[in-house]
Amino acid sequence: MIIVSIVLHPLMNVSGKENGQEISDRILKAAHELFYSYGIRSITMDDIARNLAISKKTLYLFFDDKHQIVQEACKRDFDAHTQMIHQIAKNSIDAISEILNTMDFLGDMFSKMNPNLIYDLQKYHPVAWNQFNIFREQQLLGAVETNLKKGIKQGLYRADLNIKILAKLRIEEVQLGMNPAIFAPAKFNIQEVQLALLEHFLYGILTLEGRKLLVTYTGQKKIKKHKIRA
């Protein structure tokens, strides 16, 4: 067991003014923050209860065990990510801007995520891992396929692409970049790994027009970052 010394949000006591759903939401929010900061395996029910300043007995009134908390937290995460990916696709002006905006969203997520989280999910929580695979196959894969079709139609991606194969490749690349056994956190930054994999993928599918647009977009991002730092 580890003792969580950093409180990630203000301590709250369970109050009679809160209904069961509000308490359940607070538990899931606290657990989500702890899992992202420290990984899943290292966090216990005691840690979650301590973080919320409630008793473990109260925690068990709402969740049977840690597996259930992990499953519910993951489901909420996947639902939120699905909405965000659809929103990005709707608001992006072309296929390249969509994939770059999606990468910005994922990069922000990776920056907050403990590198062992995905490994912990796969090894110790099979039901939640199955939820992740369903999300990956039904939502992420579909989003990539749609993006590839859009890019071909807009003349930004090569017309001879095998959409099914390349969509699978892209999804596997993302997961590969999160594998601590391949890209050890002590040696690699997960955001840098994901960006390098994305750049490699993009330059393999872009037309000449698409490459010019990518250079324009990446140049704008560099200028923006420079202004923020200045």
Protein backbone atom coordinates (compact mmCIF):
# COMPACT_ATOMS: atom_id res chain seq x y z
CA MET A 1 0.00 0.00 0.00
CA ILE A 2 1.21 3.51 -0.69
CA ILE A 3 0.27 6.58 1.30
CA VAL A 4 -0.93 9.30 -1.02
CA SER A 5 0.60 12.45 0.32
CA ILE A 6 -0.64 14.75 -2.41
CA VAL A 7 -4.31 15.65 -2.25
CA LEU A 8 -5.47 16.27 -5.77
CA HIS A 9 -8.58 18.22 -4.87
CA PRO A 10 -10.07 19.73 -1.70
CA LEU A 11 -11.04 17.25 1.01
CA MET A 12 -14.75 16.70 1.30
CA ASN A 13 -16.85 14.80 3.80
CA VAL A 14 -19.88 12.81 2.82
CA SER A 15 -22.83 15.04 3.62
CA GLY A 16 -26.49 14.25 3.95
CA LYS A 17 -27.06 17.04 1.44
CA GLU A 18 -25.42 14.96 -1.29
CA ASN A 19 -27.38 12.27 -3.07
CA GLY A 20 -25.92 8.88 -3.93
CA GLN A 21 -25.06 9.88 -7.51
CA GLU A 22 -23.08 12.93 -6.38
CA ILE A 23 -21.05 10.85 -3.93
CA SER A 24 -20.44 8.18 -6.56
CA ASP A 25 -19.29 10.88 -9.00
CA ARG A 26 -16.82 12.27 -6.45
CA ILE A 27 -15.42 8.82 -5.79
CA LEU A 28 -14.90 8.17 -9.50
CA LYS A 29 -13.34 11.60 -10.05
CA ALA A 30 -10.89 11.07 -7.18
CA ALA A 31 -10.02 7.56 -8.33
CA HIS A 32 -9.50 8.76 -11.91
CA GLU A 33 -7.05 11.45 -10.77
CA LEU A 34 -5.14 9.00 -8.58
CA PHE A 35 -4.93 6.37 -11.33
CA TYR A 36 -3.65 8.95 -13.83
CA SER A 37 -1.04 10.24 -11.38
CA TYR A 38 0.21 6.98 -9.87
CA GLY A 39 -1.02 4.16 -12.10
CA ILE A 40 -3.77 1.74 -11.17
CA ARG A 41 -1.95 -1.08 -9.42
CA SER A 42 -0.36 1.12 -6.72
CA ILE A 43 -3.67 2.70 -5.65
CA THR A 44 -5.77 0.89 -3.04
CA MET A 45 -9.30 1.39 -1.75
CA ASP A 46 -7.69 2.86 1.38
CA ASP A 47 -5.91 5.47 -0.75
CA ILE A 48 -9.13 6.48 -2.49
CA ALA A 49 -11.03 6.74 0.80
CA ARG A 50 -8.19 8.74 2.39
CA ASN A 51 -8.05 11.10 -0.57
CA LEU A 52 -11.76 11.85 -0.14
CA ALA A 53 -11.58 11.97 3.67
CA ILE A 54 -14.27 9.30 3.95
CA SER A 55 -14.24 5.87 5.53
CA LYS A 56 -13.53 2.76 3.49
CA LYS A 57 -16.88 1.46 4.71
CA THR A 58 -18.59 4.38 2.95
CA LEU A 59 -16.62 3.62 -0.21
CA TYR A 60 -17.92 0.05 -0.22
CA LEU A 61 -21.49 1.29 0.03
CA PHE A 62 -21.13 2.55 -3.54
CA PHE A 63 -18.65 0.14 -5.14
CA ASP A 64 -18.09 -3.56 -4.57
CA ASP A 65 -14.34 -3.39 -5.12
CA LYS A 66 -11.54 -1.61 -6.94
CA HIS A 67 -12.30 -3.51 -10.17
CA GLN A 68 -15.72 -1.89 -10.33
CA ILE A 69 -14.27 1.57 -9.75
CA VAL A 70 -11.73 1.02 -12.53
CA GLN A 71 -14.46 -0.17 -14.90
CA GLU A 72 -16.76 2.77 -14.19
CA ALA A 73 -13.92 5.31 -14.41
CA CYS A 74 -12.80 3.84 -17.75
CA LYS A 75 -16.31 3.88 -19.17
CA ARG A 76 -16.65 7.57 -18.35
CA ASP A 77 -13.25 8.28 -19.85
CA PHE A 78 -14.05 6.44 -23.08
CA ASP A 79 -17.43 8.17 -23.42
CA ALA A 80 -15.80 11.60 -22.93
CA HIS A 81 -13.03 10.79 -25.41
CA THR A 82 -15.57 9.64 -28.00
CA GLN A 83 -17.45 12.93 -27.72
CA MET A 84 -14.24 14.94 -27.97
CA ILE A 85 -13.01 13.05 -31.05
CA HIS A 86 -16.36 13.61 -32.80
CA GLN A 87 -16.28 17.29 -31.86
CA ILE A 88 -12.76 17.70 -33.23
CA ALA A 89 -13.77 16.04 -36.50
CA LYS A 90 -16.78 18.34 -36.79
CA ASN A 91 -14.81 21.54 -36.13
CA SER A 92 -11.64 20.82 -38.15
CA ILE A 93 -11.39 22.41 -41.59
CA ASP A 94 -9.63 19.48 -43.27
CA ALA A 95 -8.32 15.96 -42.60
CA ILE A 96 -4.81 17.08 -41.62
CA SER A 97 -5.99 19.69 -39.14
CA GLU A 98 -8.31 17.05 -37.68
CA ILE A 99 -5.54 14.56 -37.06
CA LEU A 100 -3.25 17.27 -35.62
CA ASN A 101 -6.01 18.57 -33.34
CA THR A 102 -6.73 15.03 -32.20
CA MET A 103 -3.05 14.58 -31.44
CA ASP A 104 -3.07 17.78 -29.39
CA PHE A 105 -5.96 16.36 -27.38
CA LEU A 106 -4.22 13.02 -26.90
CA GLY A 107 -0.93 14.75 -26.10
CA ASP A 108 -2.58 16.66 -23.28
CA MET A 109 -3.98 13.38 -21.98
CA PHE A 110 -0.61 11.61 -22.24
CA SER A 111 1.09 14.44 -20.33
CA LYS A 112 -1.18 13.77 -17.35
CA MET A 113 -1.16 9.98 -17.55
CA ASN A 114 1.12 7.69 -15.58
CA PRO A 115 3.02 5.63 -18.19
CA ASN A 116 2.12 2.38 -16.39
CA LEU A 117 -1.63 2.98 -16.50
CA ILE A 118 -2.31 1.08 -19.74
CA TYR A 119 -0.07 -1.81 -18.64
CA ASP A 120 -1.87 -2.01 -15.28
CA LEU A 121 -5.23 -1.99 -17.02
CA GLN A 122 -4.24 -4.83 -19.34
CA LYS A 123 -2.63 -7.04 -16.70
CA TYR A 124 -4.87 -6.60 -13.65
CA HIS A 125 -8.30 -5.50 -14.89
CA PRO A 126 -9.49 -7.73 -17.77
CA VAL A 127 -13.06 -6.40 -17.88
CA ALA A 128 -11.89 -2.79 -18.14
CA TRP A 129 -9.25 -3.82 -20.68
CA ASN A 130 -12.00 -5.38 -22.78
CA GLN A 131 -13.87 -2.06 -22.56
CA PHE A 132 -10.74 -0.33 -23.86
CA ASN A 133 -10.47 -2.74 -26.80
CA ILE A 134 -14.14 -2.18 -27.69
CA PHE A 135 -13.55 1.59 -27.58
CA ARG A 136 -10.45 1.19 -29.70
CA GLU A 137 -12.12 -0.99 -32.34
CA GLN A 138 -15.49 0.76 -32.50
CA GLN A 139 -14.56 4.41 -31.96
CA LEU A 140 -10.87 5.04 -32.64
CA LEU A 141 -10.62 2.73 -35.64
CA GLY A 142 -13.77 4.19 -37.17
CA ALA A 143 -12.50 7.74 -36.62
CA VAL A 144 -9.20 6.97 -38.38
CA GLU A 145 -10.96 5.30 -41.32
CA THR A 146 -13.26 8.32 -41.72
CA ASN A 147 -10.27 10.67 -41.58
CA LEU A 148 -8.43 8.70 -44.25
CA LYS A 149 -11.45 8.79 -46.56
CA LYS A 150 -11.82 12.54 -45.96
CA GLY A 151 -8.14 13.17 -46.70
CA ILE A 152 -8.30 11.21 -49.96
CA LYS A 153 -11.42 13.10 -51.04
CA GLN A 154 -9.73 16.43 -50.25
CA GLY A 155 -6.63 15.48 -52.24
CA LEU A 156 -4.42 15.58 -49.14
CA TYR A 157 -3.86 11.82 -48.80
CA ARG A 158 -2.76 9.44 -51.54
CA ALA A 159 -5.64 7.91 -53.49
CA ASP A 160 -4.10 4.42 -53.49
CA LEU A 161 -4.21 3.93 -49.70
CA ASN A 162 -5.58 0.72 -48.25
CA ILE A 163 -7.83 2.34 -45.67
CA LYS A 164 -8.56 -0.76 -43.59
CA ILE A 165 -4.90 -1.73 -43.24
CA LEU A 166 -3.60 1.77 -42.54
CA ALA A 167 -6.33 2.52 -40.00
CA LYS A 168 -5.32 -0.63 -38.10
CA LEU A 169 -1.67 0.38 -38.36
CA ARG A 170 -2.35 3.82 -36.91
CA ILE A 171 -4.30 2.41 -33.95
CA GLU A 172 -1.53 -0.09 -33.21
CA GLU A 173 1.07 2.69 -33.40
CA VAL A 174 -0.74 4.67 -30.72
CA GLN A 175 -0.88 1.65 -28.43
CA LEU A 176 2.74 0.76 -29.20
CA GLY A 177 3.80 4.22 -28.08
CA MET A 178 2.13 3.64 -24.71
CA ASN A 179 3.86 0.31 -24.06
CA PRO A 180 6.41 0.84 -21.24
CA ALA A 181 8.13 -2.43 -22.13
CA ILE A 182 9.10 -0.96 -25.52
CA PHE A 183 9.40 2.74 -24.72
CA ALA A 184 10.61 2.78 -21.14
CA PRO A 185 9.38 5.92 -19.32
CA ALA A 186 12.88 6.46 -17.90
CA LYS A 187 14.26 6.81 -21.44
CA PHE A 188 11.38 8.12 -23.54
CA ASN A 189 8.81 10.89 -23.24
CA ILE A 190 5.42 9.47 -24.23
CA GLN A 191 4.34 12.67 -26.02
CA GLU A 192 7.54 12.75 -28.09
CA VAL A 193 7.10 9.09 -28.99
CA GLN A 194 3.51 9.64 -30.13
CA LEU A 195 4.42 12.72 -32.17
CA ALA A 196 7.29 10.90 -33.89
CA LEU A 197 5.02 7.96 -34.77
CA LEU A 198 2.33 10.31 -36.09
CA GLU A 199 4.83 12.24 -38.25
CA HIS A 200 6.16 8.97 -39.69
CA PHE A 201 2.60 7.84 -40.46
CA LEU A 202 1.55 11.12 -42.06
CA TYR A 203 4.52 11.44 -44.39
CA GLY A 204 3.71 7.97 -45.72
CA ILE A 205 0.15 8.90 -46.74
CA LEU A 206 0.32 12.57 -47.77
CA THR A 207 0.20 13.90 -51.32
CA LEU A 208 2.46 16.80 -52.32
CA GLU A 209 -0.39 19.18 -51.54
CA GLY A 210 -0.89 17.48 -48.19
CA ARG A 211 2.80 17.81 -47.32
CA LYS A 212 2.75 21.53 -48.08
CA LEU A 213 -0.29 21.98 -45.84
CA LEU A 214 1.31 19.95 -43.04
CA VAL A 215 4.43 22.15 -43.19
CA THR A 216 2.18 25.21 -42.96
CA TYR A 217 0.34 23.84 -39.94
CA THR A 218 3.47 22.73 -38.10
CA GLY A 219 5.08 26.10 -38.79
CA GLN A 220 2.07 27.86 -37.29
CA LYS A 221 2.28 25.65 -34.21
CA LYS A 222 5.96 26.50 -33.73
CA ILE A 223 5.22 30.23 -34.01
CA LYS A 224 2.37 29.91 -31.53
CA LYS A 225 4.55 28.04 -29.01
CA HIS A 226 7.30 30.66 -29.42
CA LYS A 227 4.84 33.49 -28.69
CA ILE A 228 3.53 31.68 -25.61
CA ARG A 229 7.06 31.17 -24.26
CA ALA A 230 7.97 34.78 -25.02
